[in-house]
Amino acid sequence: MTLTALQPATAGGASWRDKAACRTADLDIFFPDPGDVVGVERARQVCDGCPVASECLSYAVGTNQTEGVWGGTTPGERRRLRQRWLKELKEAG
């Protein structure tokens, strides 16, 4: 995934969130306790079947979401993606 062009929060007038697999889920599953591997996996299972997981991940990286599972990624995974994205932006500009 290229992070140089983050997806907008809306596409075609409708929010990507309206299409998210998690829209009817208990959102608490996306905020497992630190180190809760089973909890993270449970959230990732929802994300695996989500048609807008990449938009969710782009949003989370672009807005620096530091908590929870977004687009199937943990805070640490997003932190690394964000660092790479910021480096790409710096090198491009």
N, C-alpha and C. Protein backbone atom coordinates (compact mmCIF):
# COMPACT_ATOMS: atom_id res chain seq x y z
N MET A 1 0.84 -1.18 0.00
CA MET A 1 0.00 0.00 0.00
C MET A 1 0.88 1.24 0.00
N THR A 2 0.54 2.17 -0.84
CA THR A 2 1.25 3.44 -0.88
C THR A 2 0.54 4.44 0.01
N LEU A 3 1.28 5.08 0.83
CA LEU A 3 0.69 6.02 1.76
C LEU A 3 0.90 7.46 1.33
N THR A 4 1.50 7.67 0.16
CA THR A 4 1.75 9.05 -0.26
C THR A 4 0.47 9.79 -0.59
N ALA A 5 -0.58 9.08 -0.96
CA ALA A 5 -1.87 9.72 -1.25
C ALA A 5 -2.93 9.10 -0.36
N LEU A 6 -3.21 9.72 0.73
CA LEU A 6 -4.23 9.20 1.65
C LEU A 6 -5.61 9.33 1.03
N GLN A 7 -6.43 8.33 1.29
CA GLN A 7 -7.80 8.34 0.79
C GLN A 7 -8.61 9.42 1.51
N PRO A 8 -9.49 10.10 0.81
CA PRO A 8 -10.35 11.06 1.48
C PRO A 8 -11.37 10.34 2.35
N ALA A 9 -11.92 11.05 3.32
CA ALA A 9 -12.90 10.47 4.22
C ALA A 9 -14.20 10.14 3.51
N THR A 10 -14.45 10.76 2.37
CA THR A 10 -15.66 10.45 1.61
C THR A 10 -15.28 10.13 0.18
N ALA A 11 -16.07 9.27 -0.44
CA ALA A 11 -15.86 8.92 -1.84
C ALA A 11 -17.22 8.85 -2.50
N GLY A 12 -17.41 9.57 -3.57
CA GLY A 12 -18.67 9.57 -4.27
C GLY A 12 -19.82 10.11 -3.42
N GLY A 13 -19.52 10.97 -2.47
CA GLY A 13 -20.55 11.58 -1.65
C GLY A 13 -20.94 10.77 -0.42
N ALA A 14 -20.60 9.50 -0.38
CA ALA A 14 -20.93 8.67 0.79
C ALA A 14 -19.66 8.38 1.57
N SER A 15 -19.79 8.35 2.86
CA SER A 15 -18.63 8.08 3.71
C SER A 15 -18.24 6.61 3.60
N TRP A 16 -16.94 6.35 3.61
CA TRP A 16 -16.47 4.97 3.59
C TRP A 16 -16.98 4.24 4.82
N ARG A 17 -17.22 4.98 5.89
CA ARG A 17 -17.69 4.36 7.13
C ARG A 17 -19.07 3.72 6.97
N ASP A 18 -19.86 4.24 6.04
CA ASP A 18 -21.18 3.66 5.79
C ASP A 18 -21.10 2.25 5.23
N LYS A 19 -19.94 1.90 4.66
CA LYS A 19 -19.74 0.59 4.06
C LYS A 19 -18.90 -0.34 4.94
N ALA A 20 -18.47 0.15 6.08
CA ALA A 20 -17.55 -0.60 6.94
C ALA A 20 -18.22 -1.82 7.58
N ALA A 21 -17.48 -2.91 7.64
CA ALA A 21 -17.97 -4.14 8.26
C ALA A 21 -18.23 -3.95 9.75
N CYS A 22 -17.56 -3.00 10.36
CA CYS A 22 -17.69 -2.78 11.80
C CYS A 22 -18.88 -1.90 12.18
N ARG A 23 -19.58 -1.34 11.20
CA ARG A 23 -20.63 -0.37 11.50
C ARG A 23 -21.73 -0.93 12.40
N THR A 24 -21.91 -2.26 12.41
CA THR A 24 -22.93 -2.86 13.27
C THR A 24 -22.31 -3.68 14.41
N ALA A 25 -20.99 -3.66 14.49
CA ALA A 25 -20.29 -4.45 15.53
C ALA A 25 -20.18 -3.65 16.82
N ASP A 26 -19.94 -4.36 17.89
CA ASP A 26 -19.64 -3.74 19.18
C ASP A 26 -18.24 -3.14 19.06
N LEU A 27 -18.15 -1.84 19.08
CA LEU A 27 -16.87 -1.17 18.84
C LEU A 27 -15.82 -1.47 19.91
N ASP A 28 -16.23 -1.97 21.06
CA ASP A 28 -15.27 -2.33 22.10
C ASP A 28 -14.28 -3.39 21.64
N ILE A 29 -14.69 -4.25 20.69
CA ILE A 29 -13.75 -5.29 20.24
C ILE A 29 -12.56 -4.69 19.49
N PHE A 30 -12.70 -3.47 19.01
CA PHE A 30 -11.60 -2.84 18.28
C PHE A 30 -10.63 -2.09 19.20
N PHE A 31 -10.88 -2.18 20.49
CA PHE A 31 -10.00 -1.54 21.48
C PHE A 31 -9.64 -2.54 22.57
N PRO A 32 -8.95 -3.63 22.16
CA PRO A 32 -8.55 -4.63 23.16
C PRO A 32 -7.47 -4.08 24.08
N ASP A 33 -7.34 -4.70 25.24
CA ASP A 33 -6.28 -4.31 26.16
C ASP A 33 -4.91 -4.55 25.53
N PRO A 34 -3.91 -3.75 25.87
CA PRO A 34 -2.56 -3.97 25.34
C PRO A 34 -2.09 -5.40 25.63
N GLY A 35 -1.57 -6.03 24.62
CA GLY A 35 -1.07 -7.40 24.77
C GLY A 35 -2.13 -8.47 24.59
N ASP A 36 -3.38 -8.09 24.38
CA ASP A 36 -4.47 -9.05 24.20
C ASP A 36 -4.47 -9.54 22.75
N VAL A 37 -3.66 -10.57 22.50
CA VAL A 37 -3.49 -11.11 21.15
C VAL A 37 -4.81 -11.65 20.61
N VAL A 38 -5.58 -12.32 21.44
CA VAL A 38 -6.86 -12.87 21.02
C VAL A 38 -7.82 -11.74 20.66
N GLY A 39 -7.83 -10.68 21.43
CA GLY A 39 -8.69 -9.54 21.15
C GLY A 39 -8.33 -8.87 19.83
N VAL A 40 -7.04 -8.72 19.58
CA VAL A 40 -6.59 -8.12 18.32
C VAL A 40 -7.02 -9.01 17.15
N GLU A 41 -6.86 -10.31 17.30
CA GLU A 41 -7.24 -11.24 16.23
C GLU A 41 -8.74 -11.18 15.97
N ARG A 42 -9.54 -11.05 17.00
CA ARG A 42 -10.99 -10.94 16.86
C ARG A 42 -11.34 -9.71 16.02
N ALA A 43 -10.70 -8.59 16.31
CA ALA A 43 -10.94 -7.37 15.55
C ALA A 43 -10.48 -7.53 14.11
N ARG A 44 -9.33 -8.15 13.91
CA ARG A 44 -8.79 -8.34 12.56
C ARG A 44 -9.71 -9.21 11.71
N GLN A 45 -10.39 -10.16 12.33
CA GLN A 45 -11.32 -11.00 11.58
C GLN A 45 -12.44 -10.17 10.96
N VAL A 46 -12.90 -9.17 11.68
CA VAL A 46 -13.93 -8.27 11.13
C VAL A 46 -13.32 -7.47 9.99
N CYS A 47 -12.13 -6.96 10.20
CA CYS A 47 -11.46 -6.14 9.18
C CYS A 47 -11.13 -6.95 7.92
N ASP A 48 -10.81 -8.23 8.09
CA ASP A 48 -10.47 -9.06 6.93
C ASP A 48 -11.59 -9.12 5.90
N GLY A 49 -12.83 -9.07 6.34
CA GLY A 49 -13.95 -9.13 5.42
C GLY A 49 -14.51 -7.77 5.06
N CYS A 50 -13.83 -6.71 5.40
CA CYS A 50 -14.36 -5.36 5.21
C CYS A 50 -14.01 -4.82 3.83
N PRO A 51 -15.01 -4.30 3.11
CA PRO A 51 -14.75 -3.76 1.78
C PRO A 51 -14.02 -2.40 1.79
N VAL A 52 -13.93 -1.76 2.94
CA VAL A 52 -13.28 -0.44 3.01
C VAL A 52 -12.12 -0.43 4.02
N ALA A 53 -11.50 -1.58 4.23
CA ALA A 53 -10.39 -1.66 5.19
C ALA A 53 -9.24 -0.74 4.80
N SER A 54 -8.96 -0.62 3.50
CA SER A 54 -7.84 0.24 3.10
C SER A 54 -8.15 1.72 3.36
N GLU A 55 -9.40 2.13 3.16
CA GLU A 55 -9.79 3.50 3.46
C GLU A 55 -9.70 3.77 4.95
N CYS A 56 -10.12 2.79 5.74
CA CYS A 56 -10.04 2.89 7.20
C CYS A 56 -8.59 3.05 7.65
N LEU A 57 -7.73 2.22 7.09
CA LEU A 57 -6.31 2.29 7.44
C LEU A 57 -5.71 3.62 7.03
N SER A 58 -6.03 4.09 5.83
CA SER A 58 -5.51 5.39 5.39
C SER A 58 -5.97 6.51 6.30
N TYR A 59 -7.23 6.46 6.70
CA TYR A 59 -7.76 7.46 7.63
C TYR A 59 -7.00 7.40 8.95
N ALA A 60 -6.81 6.21 9.47
CA ALA A 60 -6.15 6.05 10.77
C ALA A 60 -4.71 6.54 10.74
N VAL A 61 -4.01 6.25 9.66
CA VAL A 61 -2.62 6.71 9.54
C VAL A 61 -2.59 8.22 9.34
N GLY A 62 -3.46 8.72 8.48
CA GLY A 62 -3.47 10.15 8.18
C GLY A 62 -3.88 11.03 9.35
N THR A 63 -4.71 10.49 10.23
CA THR A 63 -5.16 11.26 11.39
C THR A 63 -4.46 10.83 12.67
N ASN A 64 -3.47 9.97 12.53
CA ASN A 64 -2.63 9.53 13.65
C ASN A 64 -3.44 8.91 14.80
N GLN A 65 -4.29 7.94 14.45
CA GLN A 65 -5.05 7.22 15.47
C GLN A 65 -4.08 6.31 16.24
N THR A 66 -3.93 6.56 17.51
CA THR A 66 -2.92 5.85 18.31
C THR A 66 -3.50 4.73 19.17
N GLU A 67 -4.79 4.54 19.10
CA GLU A 67 -5.44 3.51 19.90
C GLU A 67 -6.29 2.62 18.99
N GLY A 68 -6.45 1.38 19.36
CA GLY A 68 -7.39 0.49 18.69
C GLY A 68 -6.88 -0.14 17.41
N VAL A 69 -7.72 -1.01 16.87
CA VAL A 69 -7.45 -1.69 15.60
C VAL A 69 -8.22 -0.95 14.52
N TRP A 70 -7.49 -0.48 13.53
CA TRP A 70 -8.07 0.25 12.39
C TRP A 70 -7.56 -0.40 11.12
N GLY A 71 -8.46 -0.76 10.22
CA GLY A 71 -8.02 -1.37 8.96
C GLY A 71 -7.20 -2.63 9.17
N GLY A 72 -7.44 -3.31 10.28
CA GLY A 72 -6.74 -4.56 10.57
C GLY A 72 -5.34 -4.39 11.14
N THR A 73 -5.00 -3.18 11.57
CA THR A 73 -3.65 -2.93 12.10
C THR A 73 -3.68 -2.46 13.55
N THR A 74 -2.61 -2.76 14.24
CA THR A 74 -2.45 -2.34 15.63
C THR A 74 -1.81 -0.95 15.67
N PRO A 75 -1.83 -0.31 16.83
CA PRO A 75 -1.18 1.00 16.94
C PRO A 75 0.30 0.96 16.53
N GLY A 76 1.02 -0.07 16.91
CA GLY A 76 2.44 -0.17 16.55
C GLY A 76 2.65 -0.32 15.05
N GLU A 77 1.79 -1.11 14.41
CA GLU A 77 1.89 -1.27 12.96
C GLU A 77 1.60 0.06 12.25
N ARG A 78 0.58 0.76 12.72
CA ARG A 78 0.27 2.06 12.12
C ARG A 78 1.36 3.09 12.37
N ARG A 79 1.97 3.03 13.53
CA ARG A 79 3.05 3.97 13.84
C ARG A 79 4.19 3.79 12.81
N ARG A 80 4.53 2.55 12.50
CA ARG A 80 5.58 2.29 11.51
C ARG A 80 5.15 2.76 10.11
N LEU A 81 3.89 2.50 9.75
CA LEU A 81 3.38 2.97 8.46
C LEU A 81 3.42 4.49 8.38
N ARG A 82 3.03 5.14 9.46
CA ARG A 82 3.01 6.61 9.48
C ARG A 82 4.42 7.17 9.36
N GLN A 83 5.37 6.56 10.04
CA GLN A 83 6.75 7.03 9.94
C GLN A 83 7.26 6.91 8.50
N ARG A 84 6.92 5.80 7.85
CA ARG A 84 7.33 5.60 6.45
C ARG A 84 6.64 6.63 5.55
N TRP A 85 5.34 6.84 5.78
CA TRP A 85 4.58 7.81 5.00
C TRP A 85 5.16 9.21 5.15
N LEU A 86 5.46 9.63 6.38
CA LEU A 86 6.02 10.95 6.61
C LEU A 86 7.39 11.09 5.96
N LYS A 87 8.17 10.03 5.97
CA LYS A 87 9.48 10.04 5.32
C LYS A 87 9.30 10.21 3.81
N GLU A 88 8.32 9.49 3.22
CA GLU A 88 8.06 9.63 1.79
C GLU A 88 7.63 11.06 1.45
N LEU A 89 6.80 11.65 2.28
CA LEU A 89 6.36 13.03 2.04
C LEU A 89 7.54 14.00 2.10
N LYS A 90 8.39 13.79 3.08
CA LYS A 90 9.55 14.67 3.24
C LYS A 90 10.49 14.57 2.04
N GLU A 91 10.71 13.33 1.59
CA GLU A 91 11.60 13.12 0.45
C GLU A 91 11.00 13.65 -0.85
N ALA A 92 9.69 13.62 -0.96
CA ALA A 92 9.01 14.10 -2.17
C ALA A 92 8.92 15.63 -2.23
N GLY A 93 8.97 16.26 -1.05
CA GLY A 93 8.74 17.70 -1.05
C GLY A 93 9.90 18.47 -0.67
